[in-house]
N, C-alpha and C. Protein backbone atom coordinates (compact mmCIF):
# COMPACT_ATOMS: atom_id res chain seq x y z
N MET A 1 45.68 79.10 152.69
CA MET A 1 45.60 76.97 152.67
C MET A 1 43.49 77.43 152.24
N ALA A 2 43.63 75.98 151.83
CA ALA A 2 42.10 75.60 151.76
C ALA A 2 41.98 75.19 153.15
N THR A 3 40.25 75.27 152.95
CA THR A 3 39.25 75.17 154.40
C THR A 3 39.33 73.77 154.11
N SER A 4 39.02 72.84 153.11
CA SER A 4 38.90 71.39 152.42
C SER A 4 39.22 70.97 151.64
N LEU A 5 39.39 69.54 151.83
CA LEU A 5 40.25 68.50 150.58
C LEU A 5 39.48 69.31 149.08
N PRO A 6 40.35 69.02 148.20
CA PRO A 6 39.54 69.40 146.83
C PRO A 6 38.91 68.35 146.81
N ARG A 7 38.08 68.30 145.64
CA ARG A 7 36.99 67.37 145.39
C ARG A 7 36.76 67.45 143.98
N VAL A 8 37.08 66.79 143.10
CA VAL A 8 36.94 66.97 141.39
C VAL A 8 35.05 66.71 141.28
N THR A 9 34.74 67.83 140.50
CA THR A 9 33.38 68.05 140.78
C THR A 9 32.84 68.11 138.62
N SER A 10 33.97 67.92 138.06
CA SER A 10 33.58 67.17 136.63
C SER A 10 35.05 66.99 136.27
N VAL A 11 34.44 66.25 135.48
CA VAL A 11 36.12 65.49 134.32
C VAL A 11 35.37 64.96 133.17
N HIS A 12 35.71 65.93 131.74
CA HIS A 12 36.37 65.17 130.94
C HIS A 12 37.51 64.65 130.08
N VAL A 13 37.34 63.36 129.15
CA VAL A 13 38.42 62.92 128.58
C VAL A 13 38.21 63.79 127.43
N VAL A 14 39.75 64.63 127.32
CA VAL A 14 39.84 65.30 126.03
C VAL A 14 40.31 64.80 125.01
N ALA A 15 41.65 63.91 125.33
CA ALA A 15 42.72 63.19 124.03
C ALA A 15 43.20 61.69 125.11
N PRO A 16 43.74 60.99 124.08
CA PRO A 16 44.22 59.87 124.96
C PRO A 16 45.37 60.56 126.58
N TYR A 17 44.78 60.33 127.37
CA TYR A 17 45.63 60.26 128.74
C TYR A 17 45.69 62.10 128.98
N SER A 18 44.78 62.79 128.83
CA SER A 18 44.15 63.89 129.04
C SER A 18 42.90 64.08 129.48
N LEU A 19 42.98 64.84 130.79
CA LEU A 19 41.74 64.73 131.69
C LEU A 19 41.41 66.64 131.66
N ASP A 20 40.10 66.82 130.99
CA ASP A 20 39.70 68.44 131.77
C ASP A 20 39.29 68.04 133.06
N ILE A 21 39.71 68.70 134.11
CA ILE A 21 39.03 68.75 135.32
C ILE A 21 38.92 69.87 135.83
N THR A 22 37.32 70.13 136.87
CA THR A 22 37.00 70.71 137.71
C THR A 22 36.98 70.49 138.90
N PHE A 23 37.63 71.45 139.92
CA PHE A 23 37.55 71.00 141.49
C PHE A 23 35.70 72.24 141.85
N ASN A 24 36.10 71.43 143.56
CA ASN A 24 34.89 72.04 144.01
C ASN A 24 35.70 73.58 144.61
N ASP A 25 36.67 74.50 144.13
CA ASP A 25 36.70 75.39 144.29
C ASP A 25 36.81 76.47 143.21
N GLY A 26 36.48 75.51 141.81
CA GLY A 26 36.22 76.61 140.74
C GLY A 26 37.86 76.34 139.86
N THR A 27 38.85 75.64 140.55
CA THR A 27 40.16 75.45 139.64
C THR A 27 39.78 74.45 138.74
N HIS A 28 40.77 74.88 137.50
CA HIS A 28 40.22 74.14 136.43
C HIS A 28 41.56 74.20 135.53
N CYS A 29 41.61 72.61 135.04
CA CYS A 29 42.83 72.24 134.43
C CYS A 29 42.68 71.23 133.15
N LEU A 30 43.73 71.12 132.79
CA LEU A 30 43.96 70.20 131.22
C LEU A 30 45.04 69.35 132.16
N ILE A 31 44.89 67.94 132.35
CA ILE A 31 45.93 67.20 133.18
C ILE A 31 46.43 66.26 131.83
N ASN A 32 47.69 66.04 131.85
CA ASN A 32 48.29 64.61 130.92
C ASN A 32 48.60 64.02 131.87
N LEU A 33 48.08 63.03 131.70
CA LEU A 33 48.47 61.35 133.15
C LEU A 33 49.73 60.72 131.99
N GLU A 34 50.05 60.44 131.06
CA GLU A 34 50.75 59.01 130.08
C GLU A 34 51.57 58.90 131.07
N SER A 35 52.34 60.06 131.48
CA SER A 35 53.99 59.90 132.16
C SER A 35 53.48 59.38 133.88
N GLU A 36 52.46 58.96 134.08
CA GLU A 36 51.81 58.68 135.45
C GLU A 36 51.41 57.11 135.19
N LEU A 37 51.00 56.49 134.54
CA LEU A 37 50.49 55.00 133.74
C LEU A 37 51.39 53.91 133.81
N TYR A 38 51.51 53.75 134.85
CA TYR A 38 52.78 52.31 135.06
C TYR A 38 52.07 51.88 136.61
N GLY A 39 52.59 50.63 136.75
CA GLY A 39 52.39 49.79 137.72
C GLY A 39 50.93 48.94 137.04
N GLU A 40 50.40 47.99 137.61
CA GLU A 40 49.75 47.06 137.77
C GLU A 40 48.30 47.36 137.72
N VAL A 41 47.97 48.35 138.66
CA VAL A 41 46.71 48.93 138.26
C VAL A 41 46.22 50.28 137.07
N PHE A 42 47.22 50.92 137.00
CA PHE A 42 47.16 51.97 136.17
C PHE A 42 47.46 51.26 134.65
N GLU A 43 48.31 50.15 134.19
CA GLU A 43 48.75 49.34 132.64
C GLU A 43 47.70 49.46 131.86
N PRO A 44 46.58 49.29 132.68
CA PRO A 44 45.28 49.49 131.66
C PRO A 44 44.92 50.51 130.77
N LEU A 45 44.78 51.40 131.55
CA LEU A 45 44.74 52.93 131.20
C LEU A 45 45.25 53.04 129.81
N ARG A 46 46.38 52.70 129.73
CA ARG A 46 47.36 53.01 128.90
C ARG A 46 46.49 52.55 127.35
N ASP A 47 45.74 51.92 127.22
CA ASP A 47 44.46 51.98 126.48
C ASP A 47 43.35 52.97 126.02
N PRO A 48 43.72 53.87 125.00
CA PRO A 48 42.81 54.58 124.94
C PRO A 48 41.16 54.41 125.32
N ALA A 49 41.06 53.24 124.77
CA ALA A 49 39.60 53.17 124.88
C ALA A 49 39.22 53.07 126.31
N PHE A 50 39.80 52.25 126.61
CA PHE A 50 39.75 52.37 128.52
C PHE A 50 39.78 53.65 129.42
N PHE A 51 40.93 54.47 128.99
CA PHE A 51 41.30 55.80 129.20
C PHE A 51 39.85 56.38 129.29
N ALA A 52 38.85 56.22 128.38
CA ALA A 52 38.17 56.92 127.67
C ALA A 52 36.73 56.83 128.88
N GLN A 53 37.01 55.76 129.93
CA GLN A 53 36.14 55.38 130.67
C GLN A 53 36.35 56.25 131.96
N ALA A 54 36.73 57.35 132.38
CA ALA A 54 37.28 57.89 133.48
C ALA A 54 35.39 58.26 133.60
N TYR A 55 35.60 58.41 135.18
CA TYR A 55 34.30 58.76 135.55
C TYR A 55 34.93 59.24 137.14
N ILE A 56 33.79 60.42 137.89
CA ILE A 56 34.36 60.79 139.32
C ILE A 56 33.73 59.44 140.15
N ASP A 57 34.97 59.13 141.25
CA ASP A 57 33.93 58.58 142.24
C ASP A 57 34.32 58.95 143.21
N GLY A 58 33.43 59.53 144.02
CA GLY A 58 33.87 60.23 145.16
C GLY A 58 34.40 61.83 145.27
N PRO A 59 35.47 61.62 145.68
CA PRO A 59 36.05 63.18 145.09
C PRO A 59 36.98 62.99 144.31
N THR A 60 37.39 62.25 143.73
CA THR A 60 38.17 62.16 142.43
C THR A 60 37.90 61.64 141.32
N VAL A 61 38.45 60.94 140.34
CA VAL A 61 38.85 60.33 139.28
C VAL A 61 38.86 58.85 139.16
N ALA A 62 38.16 58.21 138.57
CA ALA A 62 38.48 56.69 138.82
C ALA A 62 38.14 56.22 137.32
N TRP A 63 38.41 54.87 137.44
CA TRP A 63 38.50 54.33 136.26
C TRP A 63 37.92 52.41 136.98
N PRO A 64 37.11 52.20 135.49
CA PRO A 64 35.84 50.55 136.08
C PRO A 64 37.35 49.66 136.47
N ASN A 65 38.50 49.29 136.03
CA ASN A 65 39.04 48.49 137.19
C ASN A 65 39.95 48.83 138.37
N GLY A 66 39.56 50.08 139.15
CA GLY A 66 39.29 50.59 140.16
C GLY A 66 40.76 51.37 140.65
N ALA A 67 41.45 52.36 139.61
CA ALA A 67 42.29 52.60 139.48
C ALA A 67 41.81 53.90 139.81
N ASP A 68 42.53 54.94 140.43
CA ASP A 68 42.11 56.27 140.72
C ASP A 68 43.88 57.02 140.81
N PHE A 69 43.08 58.39 141.02
CA PHE A 69 44.41 59.03 141.10
C PHE A 69 43.86 60.00 142.92
N SER A 70 44.60 60.33 143.73
CA SER A 70 44.10 61.49 144.55
C SER A 70 43.38 62.46 144.28
N PRO A 71 42.50 62.77 144.93
CA PRO A 71 42.17 64.29 144.43
C PRO A 71 43.53 65.42 144.95
N GLU A 72 44.03 64.95 146.24
CA GLU A 72 44.98 66.02 146.34
C GLU A 72 46.43 66.12 145.46
N TRP A 73 46.69 65.05 145.11
CA TRP A 73 47.36 64.80 143.42
C TRP A 73 46.88 65.79 142.45
N LEU A 74 45.97 65.69 142.21
CA LEU A 74 45.40 65.92 140.97
C LEU A 74 45.44 67.45 141.11
N TYR A 75 44.92 68.06 142.59
CA TYR A 75 44.95 69.43 142.93
C TYR A 75 46.07 70.19 142.50
N GLU A 76 47.24 68.99 143.09
CA GLU A 76 48.75 69.40 143.02
C GLU A 76 49.06 69.87 141.80
N GLN A 77 48.89 68.83 140.92
CA GLN A 77 49.28 69.39 139.16
C GLN A 77 48.69 70.38 139.05
N ALA A 78 47.13 70.57 139.16
CA ALA A 78 46.22 71.22 138.79
C ALA A 78 46.85 73.28 138.56
N THR A 79 47.35 73.36 140.37
CA THR A 79 47.51 73.98 140.37
C THR A 79 49.29 74.17 139.85
N THR A 80 49.83 73.54 140.37
CA THR A 80 51.27 73.64 139.62
C THR A 80 51.32 74.43 138.43
N LYS A 81 50.46 73.54 137.61
CA LYS A 81 51.05 73.84 136.18
C LYS A 81 49.85 74.98 135.62
N ALA A 82 49.49 75.72 136.80
CA ALA A 82 48.70 76.83 136.60
C ALA A 82 49.36 78.05 136.84
N SER A 83 50.75 78.12 137.62
CA SER A 83 51.66 78.97 137.67
C SER A 83 52.74 79.63 137.05
């Protein structure tokens, strides 16, 4: 079990709805978030130009409208897809 909570240390938008993410423990992955972009706060991210504005905010990835995903959820996606 991890001794600390996961933190995103690097994020790059590589395609519409897809992020290349690195975490503080070195875990690295490509995550496609298209199926997660529903609901009021995530709907603007369906615009590829807006999605491309992703940045690191504290321990996670965020967008200018306040949308973000928990770093724990992103890490779970990363480690589940890696196996």
